């Protein structure tokens, strides 16, 4: 009787000659099994960390350090201060799926060259009901949604789906876990953007210095987000995707408004 070998794990294990980073988790071989811990704790003594059982990983990944729910498990908000000892390859597959549902399967499909990518336009074209409005976004607005909504400060997966003006995001130095189509959070943000596009534009005359002050204030807000803002609540003015989108627009306007000194 042959022992079943999970092709996803065997492919991943081939890269474990050194500890590797899978999103925010360090995977290290520790014969006869494996050791998982947060990358922020890679230099800490294992004895200082809370030893989590395999069955507790999903619960651990459900909330941030402040207790907020994590709707996107690939957001860079996984709690630190833990480790998990795994005995087998099967345990490793389960552990990664508990921490990052579907990420291992997507990574493997991408590595094998069989992953199916759904573009922004194709994804929005199949939306109905209250999300149908996302089909009305202009090419520029679609690009803005992806740029603000898929920033690495919000999601560690690599955006592999294109928008009208953007190709796939560049791969990082660690194991690149692909995002193969827009997620539910991005869809809601796209709906909010489409709704805002129908509102009357307010005129606010500002000098270039004042625009720079607004950008700086938004930058500060992104660096110090309020603790009570739910990631998926686009109605909240302090939503990080809304702030990032506005910051990006102001910076673009600021760049375009500068006089051409060579003219």
C-alpha atoms as a PDB file:
ATOM      1  CA  UNK A   1       0.000   0.000   0.000  1.00  0.00           C
ATOM      2  CA  UNK A   2       1.495   3.306  -1.110  1.00  0.00           C
ATOM      3  CA  UNK A   3       1.461   6.318   1.161  1.00  0.00           C
ATOM      4  CA  UNK A   4      -0.444   9.224  -0.366  1.00  0.00           C
ATOM      5  CA  UNK A   5       1.812  12.164  -1.147  1.00  0.00           C
ATOM      6  CA  UNK A   6       0.097  15.546  -1.334  1.00  0.00           C
ATOM      7  CA  UNK A   7       1.537  17.133  -4.497  1.00  0.00           C
ATOM      8  CA  UNK A   8       0.976  20.625  -3.112  1.00  0.00           C
ATOM      9  CA  UNK A   9       3.043  19.915  -0.023  1.00  0.00           C
ATOM     10  CA  UNK A  10       5.724  17.942  -1.855  1.00  0.00           C
ATOM     11  CA  UNK A  11       6.172  20.866  -4.258  1.00  0.00           C
ATOM     12  CA  UNK A  12       6.317  23.290  -1.348  1.00  0.00           C
ATOM     13  CA  UNK A  13       8.696  21.068   0.592  1.00  0.00           C
ATOM     14  CA  UNK A  14      11.162  21.114  -2.304  1.00  0.00           C
ATOM     15  CA  UNK A  15      11.697  24.778  -1.445  1.00  0.00           C
ATOM     16  CA  UNK A  16      12.272  24.172   2.263  1.00  0.00           C
ATOM     17  CA  UNK A  17      16.041  23.817   2.069  1.00  0.00           C
ATOM     18  CA  UNK A  18      15.916  27.002   4.104  1.00  0.00           C
ATOM     19  CA  UNK A  19      12.988  28.383   6.105  1.00  0.00           C
ATOM     20  CA  UNK A  20      10.569  29.991   3.683  1.00  0.00           C
ATOM     21  CA  UNK A  21       7.985  32.714   4.112  1.00  0.00           C
ATOM     22  CA  UNK A  22       4.386  31.936   3.140  1.00  0.00           C
ATOM     23  CA  UNK A  23       2.557  35.257   3.479  1.00  0.00           C
ATOM     24  CA  UNK A  24       3.173  36.086   7.171  1.00  0.00           C
ATOM     25  CA  UNK A  25       4.185  32.585   8.253  1.00  0.00           C
ATOM     26  CA  UNK A  26       7.663  31.101   8.407  1.00  0.00           C
ATOM     27  CA  UNK A  27       7.780  27.397   7.550  1.00  0.00           C
ATOM     28  CA  UNK A  28      10.772  25.528   8.890  1.00  0.00           C
ATOM     29  CA  UNK A  29      11.546  21.825   8.716  1.00  0.00           C
ATOM     30  CA  UNK A  30      12.025  20.394  12.174  1.00  0.00           C
ATOM     31  CA  UNK A  31      12.482  16.638  11.777  1.00  0.00           C
ATOM     32  CA  UNK A  32      10.422  14.611  11.841  1.00  0.00           C
ATOM     33  CA  UNK A  33       7.936  17.399  11.137  1.00  0.00           C
ATOM     34  CA  UNK A  34       7.658  21.155  10.724  1.00  0.00           C
ATOM     35  CA  UNK A  35       7.554  24.341  12.758  1.00  0.00           C
ATOM     36  CA  UNK A  36       5.335  27.297  11.908  1.00  0.00           C
ATOM     37  CA  UNK A  37       5.518  30.757  13.432  1.00  0.00           C
ATOM     38  CA  UNK A  38       4.921  34.376  12.525  1.00  0.00           C
ATOM     39  CA  UNK A  39       7.752  35.937  10.518  1.00  0.00           C
ATOM     40  CA  UNK A  40       7.980  38.699  13.128  1.00  0.00           C
ATOM     41  CA  UNK A  41       8.944  36.014  15.676  1.00  0.00           C
ATOM     42  CA  UNK A  42      11.579  34.250  13.576  1.00  0.00           C
ATOM     43  CA  UNK A  43      14.409  35.469  15.820  1.00  0.00           C
ATOM     44  CA  UNK A  44      12.644  34.703  19.098  1.00  0.00           C
ATOM     45  CA  UNK A  45      13.240  31.594  21.164  1.00  0.00           C
ATOM     46  CA  UNK A  46      10.468  29.078  20.499  1.00  0.00           C
ATOM     47  CA  UNK A  47      10.059  28.630  24.238  1.00  0.00           C
ATOM     48  CA  UNK A  48       8.882  32.247  24.500  1.00  0.00           C
ATOM     49  CA  UNK A  49       5.997  31.660  22.082  1.00  0.00           C
ATOM     50  CA  UNK A  50       2.523  30.302  22.733  1.00  0.00           C
ATOM     51  CA  UNK A  51       2.376  26.746  21.413  1.00  0.00           C
ATOM     52  CA  UNK A  52      -0.808  26.472  19.372  1.00  0.00           C
ATOM     53  CA  UNK A  53      -2.395  23.159  18.482  1.00  0.00           C
ATOM     54  CA  UNK A  54      -3.276  22.542  14.863  1.00  0.00           C
ATOM     55  CA  UNK A  55      -6.997  22.743  15.654  1.00  0.00           C
ATOM     56  CA  UNK A  56      -6.575  26.227  17.133  1.00  0.00           C
ATOM     57  CA  UNK A  57      -4.957  27.918  14.125  1.00  0.00           C
ATOM     58  CA  UNK A  58      -8.210  28.893  12.389  1.00  0.00           C
ATOM     59  CA  UNK A  59      -9.529  30.569  15.536  1.00  0.00           C
ATOM     60  CA  UNK A  60      -6.216  32.361  16.015  1.00  0.00           C
ATOM     61  CA  UNK A  61      -6.372  33.699  12.453  1.00  0.00           C
ATOM     62  CA  UNK A  62      -9.949  34.941  12.809  1.00  0.00           C
ATOM     63  CA  UNK A  63      -9.108  38.085  14.757  1.00  0.00           C
ATOM     64  CA  UNK A  64      -6.414  40.734  15.070  1.00  0.00           C
ATOM     65  CA  UNK A  65      -4.433  41.545  18.184  1.00  0.00           C
ATOM     66  CA  UNK A  66      -7.130  44.080  19.110  1.00  0.00           C
ATOM     67  CA  UNK A  67      -9.891  41.512  18.628  1.00  0.00           C
ATOM     68  CA  UNK A  68     -11.225  42.789  15.291  1.00  0.00           C
ATOM     69  CA  UNK A  69     -12.511  40.197  12.823  1.00  0.00           C
ATOM     70  CA  UNK A  70     -10.205  39.497   9.871  1.00  0.00           C
ATOM     71  CA  UNK A  71     -12.399  39.014   6.769  1.00  0.00           C
ATOM     72  CA  UNK A  72      -9.307  38.763   4.583  1.00  0.00           C
ATOM     73  CA  UNK A  73      -6.971  36.156   6.011  1.00  0.00           C
ATOM     74  CA  UNK A  74      -4.193  37.361   3.690  1.00  0.00           C
ATOM     75  CA  UNK A  75      -4.220  40.828   5.269  1.00  0.00           C
ATOM     76  CA  UNK A  76      -0.935  41.656   7.070  1.00  0.00           C
ATOM     77  CA  UNK A  77      -2.640  41.513  10.461  1.00  0.00           C
ATOM     78  CA  UNK A  78      -2.031  37.952  11.637  1.00  0.00           C
ATOM     79  CA  UNK A  79      -1.328  37.928  15.349  1.00  0.00           C
ATOM     80  CA  UNK A  80       2.237  37.280  16.510  1.00  0.00           C
ATOM     81  CA  UNK A  81       3.571  35.440  19.568  1.00  0.00           C
ATOM     82  CA  UNK A  82       2.791  31.835  18.600  1.00  0.00           C
ATOM     83  CA  UNK A  83       4.275  28.712  17.103  1.00  0.00           C
ATOM     84  CA  UNK A  84       2.831  25.425  15.908  1.00  0.00           C
ATOM     85  CA  UNK A  85       4.628  22.070  15.813  1.00  0.00           C
ATOM     86  CA  UNK A  86       3.417  19.747  13.057  1.00  0.00           C
ATOM     87  CA  UNK A  87       4.195  16.060  12.789  1.00  0.00           C
ATOM     88  CA  UNK A  88       3.422  15.296   9.147  1.00  0.00           C
ATOM     89  CA  UNK A  89       3.060  16.755   5.668  1.00  0.00           C
ATOM     90  CA  UNK A  90      -0.688  16.250   5.967  1.00  0.00           C
ATOM     91  CA  UNK A  91      -0.676  18.397   9.108  1.00  0.00           C
ATOM     92  CA  UNK A  92       1.244  21.103   7.250  1.00  0.00           C
ATOM     93  CA  UNK A  93      -1.383  21.177   4.489  1.00  0.00           C
ATOM     94  CA  UNK A  94      -4.176  21.476   7.052  1.00  0.00           C
ATOM     95  CA  UNK A  95      -2.322  24.164   9.008  1.00  0.00           C
ATOM     96  CA  UNK A  96      -1.780  26.389   5.987  1.00  0.00           C
ATOM     97  CA  UNK A  97      -5.413  26.005   4.980  1.00  0.00           C
ATOM     98  CA  UNK A  98      -6.498  26.946   8.505  1.00  0.00           C
ATOM     99  CA  UNK A  99      -4.401  30.105   8.413  1.00  0.00           C
ATOM    100  CA  UNK A 100      -4.918  30.953   4.740  1.00  0.00           C
ATOM    101  CA  UNK A 101      -7.932  29.164   3.235  1.00  0.00           C
ATOM    102  CA  UNK A 102      -7.319  28.237  -0.387  1.00  0.00           C
ATOM    103  CA  UNK A 103      -3.889  29.886  -0.565  1.00  0.00           C
ATOM    104  CA  UNK A 104      -1.874  26.672  -0.884  1.00  0.00           C
ATOM    105  CA  UNK A 105      -4.099  25.372  -3.685  1.00  0.00           C
ATOM    106  CA  UNK A 106      -3.830  28.683  -5.561  1.00  0.00           C
ATOM    107  CA  UNK A 107      -0.045  28.761  -5.087  1.00  0.00           C
ATOM    108  CA  UNK A 108       0.296  25.218  -6.391  1.00  0.00           C
ATOM    109  CA  UNK A 109      -1.932  25.881  -9.414  1.00  0.00           C
ATOM    110  CA  UNK A 110       0.173  28.935 -10.244  1.00  0.00           C
ATOM    111  CA  UNK A 111       3.418  26.995  -9.848  1.00  0.00           C
ATOM    112  CA  UNK A 112       2.097  24.286 -12.162  1.00  0.00           C
ATOM    113  CA  UNK A 113       0.971  26.823 -14.745  1.00  0.00           C
ATOM    114  CA  UNK A 114      -2.701  25.775 -14.590  1.00  0.00           C
ATOM    115  CA  UNK A 115      -4.174  28.634 -12.539  1.00  0.00           C
ATOM    116  CA  UNK A 116      -7.157  30.377 -14.124  1.00  0.00           C
ATOM    117  CA  UNK A 117      -7.143  34.148 -13.792  1.00  0.00           C
ATOM    118  CA  UNK A 118     -10.297  36.273 -14.045  1.00  0.00           C
ATOM    119  CA  UNK A 119      -9.748  39.872 -15.122  1.00  0.00           C
ATOM    120  CA  UNK A 120     -11.421  42.813 -13.398  1.00  0.00           C
ATOM    121  CA  UNK A 121     -13.787  43.369 -16.324  1.00  0.00           C
ATOM    122  CA  UNK A 122     -14.735  39.692 -16.661  1.00  0.00           C
ATOM    123  CA  UNK A 123     -15.342  39.413 -12.919  1.00  0.00           C
ATOM    124  CA  UNK A 124     -17.558  42.491 -12.812  1.00  0.00           C
ATOM    125  CA  UNK A 125     -19.420  41.403 -15.962  1.00  0.00           C
ATOM    126  CA  UNK A 126     -20.935  38.462 -14.095  1.00  0.00           C
ATOM    127  CA  UNK A 127     -22.187  40.557 -11.175  1.00  0.00           C
ATOM    128  CA  UNK A 128     -25.908  41.069 -10.701  1.00  0.00           C
ATOM    129  CA  UNK A 129     -28.212  42.967  -8.363  1.00  0.00           C
ATOM    130  CA  UNK A 130     -26.619  45.746  -6.347  1.00  0.00           C
ATOM    131  CA  UNK A 131     -23.163  44.871  -7.702  1.00  0.00           C
ATOM    132  CA  UNK A 132     -24.141  45.312 -11.352  1.00  0.00           C
ATOM    133  CA  UNK A 133     -23.140  48.981 -11.085  1.00  0.00           C
ATOM    134  CA  UNK A 134     -19.471  47.946 -10.966  1.00  0.00           C
ATOM    135  CA  UNK A 135     -19.709  47.316 -14.707  1.00  0.00           C
ATOM    136  CA  UNK A 136     -20.096  51.078 -15.207  1.00  0.00           C
ATOM    137  CA  UNK A 137     -16.678  51.975 -13.813  1.00  0.00           C
ATOM    138  CA  UNK A 138     -14.430  53.692 -16.318  1.00  0.00           C
ATOM    139  CA  UNK A 139     -11.042  52.204 -17.130  1.00  0.00           C
ATOM    140  CA  UNK A 140      -9.376  54.817 -14.950  1.00  0.00           C
ATOM    141  CA  UNK A 141     -11.723  54.107 -12.041  1.00  0.00           C
ATOM    142  CA  UNK A 142     -11.139  50.361 -12.366  1.00  0.00           C
ATOM    143  CA  UNK A 143      -7.396  50.944 -12.165  1.00  0.00           C
ATOM    144  CA  UNK A 144      -7.860  53.188  -9.127  1.00  0.00           C
ATOM    145  CA  UNK A 145      -9.950  50.553  -7.356  1.00  0.00           C
ATOM    146  CA  UNK A 146      -7.267  47.904  -7.830  1.00  0.00           C
ATOM    147  CA  UNK A 147      -4.404  50.221  -6.889  1.00  0.00           C
ATOM    148  CA  UNK A 148      -6.050  51.380  -3.665  1.00  0.00           C
ATOM    149  CA  UNK A 149      -7.860  48.168  -2.785  1.00  0.00           C
ATOM    150  CA  UNK A 150      -5.060  45.670  -3.380  1.00  0.00           C
ATOM    151  CA  UNK A 151      -2.134  47.523  -1.837  1.00  0.00           C
ATOM    152  CA  UNK A 152       0.303  45.304   0.067  1.00  0.00           C
ATOM    153  CA  UNK A 153      -0.609  47.129   3.275  1.00  0.00           C
ATOM    154  CA  UNK A 154      -4.084  45.595   2.893  1.00  0.00           C
ATOM    155  CA  UNK A 155      -3.405  42.202   1.303  1.00  0.00           C
ATOM    156  CA  UNK A 156      -0.248  40.119   0.925  1.00  0.00           C
ATOM    157  CA  UNK A 157      -1.446  38.057  -2.017  1.00  0.00           C
ATOM    158  CA  UNK A 158      -0.024  39.023  -5.387  1.00  0.00           C
ATOM    159  CA  UNK A 159      -2.700  40.463  -7.657  1.00  0.00           C
ATOM    160  CA  UNK A 160      -2.453  38.395 -10.833  1.00  0.00           C
ATOM    161  CA  UNK A 161      -5.666  39.586 -12.474  1.00  0.00           C
ATOM    162  CA  UNK A 162      -5.468  42.611 -14.774  1.00  0.00           C
ATOM    163  CA  UNK A 163      -7.508  45.776 -14.967  1.00  0.00           C
ATOM    164  CA  UNK A 164      -7.886  47.815 -18.179  1.00  0.00           C
ATOM    165  CA  UNK A 165      -4.646  49.680 -17.506  1.00  0.00           C
ATOM    166  CA  UNK A 166      -2.753  47.453 -15.067  1.00  0.00           C
ATOM    167  CA  UNK A 167      -1.106  44.099 -15.568  1.00  0.00           C
ATOM    168  CA  UNK A 168      -0.299  41.666 -12.785  1.00  0.00           C
ATOM    169  CA  UNK A 169       1.539  43.026  -9.766  1.00  0.00           C
ATOM    170  CA  UNK A 170       5.254  42.131  -9.658  1.00  0.00           C
ATOM    171  CA  UNK A 171       6.282  39.072  -7.679  1.00  0.00           C
ATOM    172  CA  UNK A 172       7.960  39.605  -4.319  1.00  0.00           C
ATOM    173  CA  UNK A 173      11.111  37.979  -2.914  1.00  0.00           C
ATOM    174  CA  UNK A 174       9.240  35.297  -0.949  1.00  0.00           C
ATOM    175  CA  UNK A 175       6.827  32.571  -2.047  1.00  0.00           C
ATOM    176  CA  UNK A 176       4.334  34.492  -4.147  1.00  0.00           C
ATOM    177  CA  UNK A 177       0.762  33.517  -3.288  1.00  0.00           C
ATOM    178  CA  UNK A 178      -1.436  34.614  -6.197  1.00  0.00           C
ATOM    179  CA  UNK A 179      -4.788  36.354  -6.121  1.00  0.00           C
ATOM    180  CA  UNK A 180      -6.597  34.953  -9.157  1.00  0.00           C
ATOM    181  CA  UNK A 181      -9.686  37.170  -9.174  1.00  0.00           C
ATOM    182  CA  UNK A 182     -11.121  40.140  -7.252  1.00  0.00           C
ATOM    183  CA  UNK A 183     -12.250  39.217  -3.741  1.00  0.00           C
ATOM    184  CA  UNK A 184     -15.462  40.144  -1.943  1.00  0.00           C
ATOM    185  CA  UNK A 185     -13.802  43.108  -0.209  1.00  0.00           C
ATOM    186  CA  UNK A 186     -12.569  44.460  -3.536  1.00  0.00           C
ATOM    187  CA  UNK A 187     -16.021  43.946  -5.055  1.00  0.00           C
ATOM    188  CA  UNK A 188     -17.657  45.972  -2.281  1.00  0.00           C
ATOM    189  CA  UNK A 189     -15.050  48.707  -2.707  1.00  0.00           C
ATOM    190  CA  UNK A 190     -15.724  48.754  -6.463  1.00  0.00           C
ATOM    191  CA  UNK A 191     -19.464  49.115  -5.744  1.00  0.00           C
ATOM    192  CA  UNK A 192     -18.785  52.026  -3.406  1.00  0.00           C
ATOM    193  CA  UNK A 193     -16.592  53.684  -6.050  1.00  0.00           C
ATOM    194  CA  UNK A 194     -19.288  53.263  -8.695  1.00  0.00           C
ATOM    195  CA  UNK A 195     -21.839  54.821  -6.336  1.00  0.00           C
ATOM    196  CA  UNK A 196     -19.561  57.776  -5.607  1.00  0.00           C
ATOM    197  CA  UNK A 197     -19.049  58.355  -9.324  1.00  0.00           C
ATOM    198  CA  UNK A 198     -22.743  59.240  -9.589  1.00  0.00           C
ATOM    199  CA  UNK A 199     -22.570  61.917  -6.897  1.00  0.00           C
ATOM    200  CA  UNK A 200     -22.085  65.604  -7.618  1.00  0.00           C
ATOM    201  CA  UNK A 201     -18.443  66.628  -7.498  1.00  0.00           C
ATOM    202  CA  UNK A 202     -17.783  69.300  -4.881  1.00  0.00           C
ATOM    203  CA  UNK A 203     -15.319  72.060  -5.682  1.00  0.00           C
ATOM    204  CA  UNK A 204     -12.686  72.767  -3.025  1.00  0.00           C
ATOM    205  CA  UNK A 205     -10.106  75.309  -4.181  1.00  0.00           C
ATOM    206  CA  UNK A 206      -6.796  74.647  -2.454  1.00  0.00           C
ATOM    207  CA  UNK A 207      -3.239  75.765  -2.996  1.00  0.00           C
ATOM    208  CA  UNK A 208      -0.506  73.281  -3.771  1.00  0.00           C
ATOM    209  CA  UNK A 209       0.731  73.587  -0.187  1.00  0.00           C
ATOM    210  CA  UNK A 210      -2.740  72.881   1.162  1.00  0.00           C
ATOM    211  CA  UNK A 211      -3.060  69.842  -1.101  1.00  0.00           C
ATOM    212  CA  UNK A 212       0.264  68.595   0.293  1.00  0.00           C
ATOM    213  CA  UNK A 213      -1.137  69.019   3.812  1.00  0.00           C
ATOM    214  CA  UNK A 214      -4.205  66.948   2.905  1.00  0.00           C
ATOM    215  CA  UNK A 215      -1.979  64.214   1.465  1.00  0.00           C
ATOM    216  CA  UNK A 216       0.161  64.223   4.624  1.00  0.00           C
ATOM    217  CA  UNK A 217      -2.937  63.934   6.811  1.00  0.00           C
ATOM    218  CA  UNK A 218      -4.186  60.974   4.781  1.00  0.00           C
ATOM    219  CA  UNK A 219      -0.740  59.358   4.950  1.00  0.00           C
ATOM    220  CA  UNK A 220      -0.814  59.695   8.731  1.00  0.00           C
ATOM    221  CA  UNK A 221      -4.274  58.154   8.866  1.00  0.00           C
ATOM    222  CA  UNK A 222      -3.093  55.181   6.809  1.00  0.00           C
ATOM    223  CA  UNK A 223      -0.125  54.704   9.134  1.00  0.00           C
ATOM    224  CA  UNK A 224      -2.313  55.005  12.258  1.00  0.00           C
ATOM    225  CA  UNK A 225      -5.698  53.495  11.351  1.00  0.00           C
ATOM    226  CA  UNK A 226      -8.513  53.764  13.903  1.00  0.00           C
ATOM    227  CA  UNK A 227      -9.037  50.563  15.854  1.00  0.00           C
ATOM    228  CA  UNK A 228     -12.812  50.474  15.373  1.00  0.00           C
ATOM    229  CA  UNK A 229     -12.912  50.548  11.548  1.00  0.00           C
ATOM    230  CA  UNK A 230     -14.085  47.274  10.010  1.00  0.00           C
ATOM    231  CA  UNK A 231     -12.137  46.463   6.852  1.00  0.00           C
ATOM    232  CA  UNK A 232     -15.213  45.759   4.770  1.00  0.00           C
ATOM    233  CA  UNK A 233     -17.250  48.780   5.888  1.00  0.00           C
ATOM    234  CA  UNK A 234     -16.957  51.146   2.928  1.00  0.00           C
ATOM    235  CA  UNK A 235     -19.590  53.431   4.485  1.00  0.00           C
ATOM    236  CA  UNK A 236     -17.057  54.476   7.115  1.00  0.00           C
ATOM    237  CA  UNK A 237     -15.100  57.551   5.924  1.00  0.00           C
ATOM    238  CA  UNK A 238     -12.033  56.165   7.712  1.00  0.00           C
ATOM    239  CA  UNK A 239     -12.054  52.947   5.671  1.00  0.00           C
ATOM    240  CA  UNK A 240      -8.415  52.396   4.597  1.00  0.00           C
ATOM    241  CA  UNK A 241      -9.331  51.693   0.972  1.00  0.00           C
ATOM    242  CA  UNK A 242     -11.293  54.940   0.748  1.00  0.00           C
ATOM    243  CA  UNK A 243      -8.445  56.884   2.303  1.00  0.00           C
ATOM    244  CA  UNK A 244      -5.834  55.296   0.058  1.00  0.00           C
ATOM    245  CA  UNK A 245      -7.890  55.975  -3.059  1.00  0.00           C
ATOM    246  CA  UNK A 246      -8.354  59.638  -2.142  1.00  0.00           C
ATOM    247  CA  UNK A 247      -4.662  59.965  -1.228  1.00  0.00           C
ATOM    248  CA  UNK A 248      -3.687  58.501  -4.599  1.00  0.00           C
ATOM    249  CA  UNK A 249      -5.992  60.889  -6.471  1.00  0.00           C
ATOM    250  CA  UNK A 250      -4.684  63.925  -4.595  1.00  0.00           C
ATOM    251  CA  UNK A 251      -1.088  62.921  -5.260  1.00  0.00           C
ATOM    252  CA  UNK A 252      -1.855  62.446  -8.949  1.00  0.00           C
ATOM    253  CA  UNK A 253      -3.586  65.837  -9.112  1.00  0.00           C
ATOM    254  CA  UNK A 254      -0.687  67.419  -7.255  1.00  0.00           C
ATOM    255  CA  UNK A 255       1.786  66.018  -9.766  1.00  0.00           C
ATOM    256  CA  UNK A 256      -0.290  67.196 -12.740  1.00  0.00           C
ATOM    257  CA  UNK A 257      -0.767  70.704 -11.296  1.00  0.00           C
ATOM    258  CA  UNK A 258       2.964  71.424 -10.961  1.00  0.00           C
ATOM    259  CA  UNK A 259       4.206  73.827 -13.632  1.00  0.00           C
ATOM    260  CA  UNK A 260       6.551  72.422 -16.248  1.00  0.00           C
ATOM    261  CA  UNK A 261       9.815  74.213 -15.547  1.00  0.00           C
ATOM    262  CA  UNK A 262      11.227  73.147 -18.886  1.00  0.00           C
ATOM    263  CA  UNK A 263       8.395  74.791 -20.835  1.00  0.00           C
END
